[in-house]
C-alpha atoms as a PDB file:
ATOM      1  CA  UNK A   1      21.409   3.040  13.086  1.00  0.00           C
ATOM      2  CA  UNK A   2      23.909   2.880  15.926  1.00  0.00           C
ATOM      3  CA  UNK A   3      21.806   4.419  18.655  1.00  0.00           C
ATOM      4  CA  UNK A   4      18.324   3.504  19.786  1.00  0.00           C
ATOM      5  CA  UNK A   5      15.634   6.128  19.260  1.00  0.00           C
ATOM      6  CA  UNK A   6      13.621   7.326  22.224  1.00  0.00           C
ATOM      7  CA  UNK A   7      10.572   9.583  22.505  1.00  0.00           C
ATOM      8  CA  UNK A   8      12.927  12.557  22.752  1.00  0.00           C
ATOM      9  CA  UNK A   9      14.467  11.946  19.315  1.00  0.00           C
ATOM     10  CA  UNK A  10      11.674  13.943  17.706  1.00  0.00           C
ATOM     11  CA  UNK A  11      13.541  14.929  14.517  1.00  0.00           C
ATOM     12  CA  UNK A  12      14.841  11.412  13.846  1.00  0.00           C
ATOM     13  CA  UNK A  13      11.363   9.969  14.390  1.00  0.00           C
ATOM     14  CA  UNK A  14       9.841  12.566  12.067  1.00  0.00           C
ATOM     15  CA  UNK A  15      12.324  11.635   9.333  1.00  0.00           C
ATOM     16  CA  UNK A  16      11.709   7.910   9.823  1.00  0.00           C
ATOM     17  CA  UNK A  17       7.934   8.376   9.632  1.00  0.00           C
ATOM     18  CA  UNK A  18       8.212  10.502   6.491  1.00  0.00           C
ATOM     19  CA  UNK A  19      10.275   7.739   4.870  1.00  0.00           C
ATOM     20  CA  UNK A  20       7.977   4.928   6.013  1.00  0.00           C
ATOM     21  CA  UNK A  21       4.678   6.683   5.197  1.00  0.00           C
ATOM     22  CA  UNK A  22       5.486   8.987   2.250  1.00  0.00           C
ATOM     23  CA  UNK A  23       1.856   9.386   1.143  1.00  0.00           C
ATOM     24  CA  UNK A  24       0.397  10.026   4.589  1.00  0.00           C
ATOM     25  CA  UNK A  25      -0.602  13.489   5.797  1.00  0.00           C
ATOM     26  CA  UNK A  26       0.841  13.711   9.337  1.00  0.00           C
ATOM     27  CA  UNK A  27      -2.049  15.957  10.385  1.00  0.00           C
ATOM     28  CA  UNK A  28      -4.555  13.244   9.488  1.00  0.00           C
ATOM     29  CA  UNK A  29      -3.008  10.665  11.832  1.00  0.00           C
ATOM     30  CA  UNK A  30      -4.661  10.094  15.193  1.00  0.00           C
ATOM     31  CA  UNK A  31      -2.299  10.213  18.175  1.00  0.00           C
ATOM     32  CA  UNK A  32      -3.203   6.603  19.060  1.00  0.00           C
ATOM     33  CA  UNK A  33      -1.997   5.497  15.609  1.00  0.00           C
ATOM     34  CA  UNK A  34       1.040   7.782  15.729  1.00  0.00           C
ATOM     35  CA  UNK A  35       2.023   6.289  19.101  1.00  0.00           C
ATOM     36  CA  UNK A  36       1.758   2.769  17.651  1.00  0.00           C
ATOM     37  CA  UNK A  37       3.676   3.640  14.462  1.00  0.00           C
ATOM     38  CA  UNK A  38       6.527   5.239  16.412  1.00  0.00           C
ATOM     39  CA  UNK A  39       6.831   2.157  18.632  1.00  0.00           C
ATOM     40  CA  UNK A  40       7.030  -0.032  15.494  1.00  0.00           C
ATOM     41  CA  UNK A  41       9.864   1.963  13.881  1.00  0.00           C
ATOM     42  CA  UNK A  42      13.142   0.065  13.448  1.00  0.00           C
ATOM     43  CA  UNK A  43      15.593   1.283  16.061  1.00  0.00           C
ATOM     44  CA  UNK A  44      12.927   2.668  18.388  1.00  0.00           C
ATOM     45  CA  UNK A  45      13.359   1.447  21.920  1.00  0.00           C
ATOM     46  CA  UNK A  46      11.677   3.310  24.749  1.00  0.00           C
ATOM     47  CA  UNK A  47       8.970   2.825  27.330  1.00  0.00           C
ATOM     48  CA  UNK A  48       5.560   3.313  25.625  1.00  0.00           C
ATOM     49  CA  UNK A  49       4.350   5.037  28.790  1.00  0.00           C
ATOM     50  CA  UNK A  50       6.986   7.791  28.515  1.00  0.00           C
ATOM     51  CA  UNK A  51       5.087   9.396  25.654  1.00  0.00           C
ATOM     52  CA  UNK A  52       2.505  12.134  26.063  1.00  0.00           C
ATOM     53  CA  UNK A  53       0.435  14.440  23.896  1.00  0.00           C
ATOM     54  CA  UNK A  54       3.117  17.146  23.858  1.00  0.00           C
ATOM     55  CA  UNK A  55       5.742  14.681  22.559  1.00  0.00           C
ATOM     56  CA  UNK A  56       3.379  13.228  19.959  1.00  0.00           C
ATOM     57  CA  UNK A  57       2.530  16.746  18.789  1.00  0.00           C
ATOM     58  CA  UNK A  58       6.239  17.553  18.412  1.00  0.00           C
ATOM     59  CA  UNK A  59       6.767  14.325  16.428  1.00  0.00           C
ATOM     60  CA  UNK A  60       3.807  15.183  14.215  1.00  0.00           C
ATOM     61  CA  UNK A  61       5.261  18.634  13.494  1.00  0.00           C
ATOM     62  CA  UNK A  62       8.731  17.199  12.768  1.00  0.00           C
ATOM     63  CA  UNK A  63       7.125  14.728  10.351  1.00  0.00           C
ATOM     64  CA  UNK A  64       5.199  17.546   8.683  1.00  0.00           C
ATOM     65  CA  UNK A  65       8.387  19.634   8.333  1.00  0.00           C
ATOM     66  CA  UNK A  66      10.149  16.651   6.785  1.00  0.00           C
ATOM     67  CA  UNK A  67       7.359  16.161   4.227  1.00  0.00           C
ATOM     68  CA  UNK A  68       7.400  19.786   3.069  1.00  0.00           C
END
């Protein structure tokens, strides 16, 4: 991946999570775990403090869309 992902790359993060955790229901993941998993994704590089509930919710929905 040429560019680094940030919290605003919601779709890309959703795709990456769907690929990394294919058997996980996004709606069952706590935001604390989601935050950690996003930070651990290859290519993710952003300030952990720039995330908030609204962003995590958007990521969760993108992940759900990707799974369906």
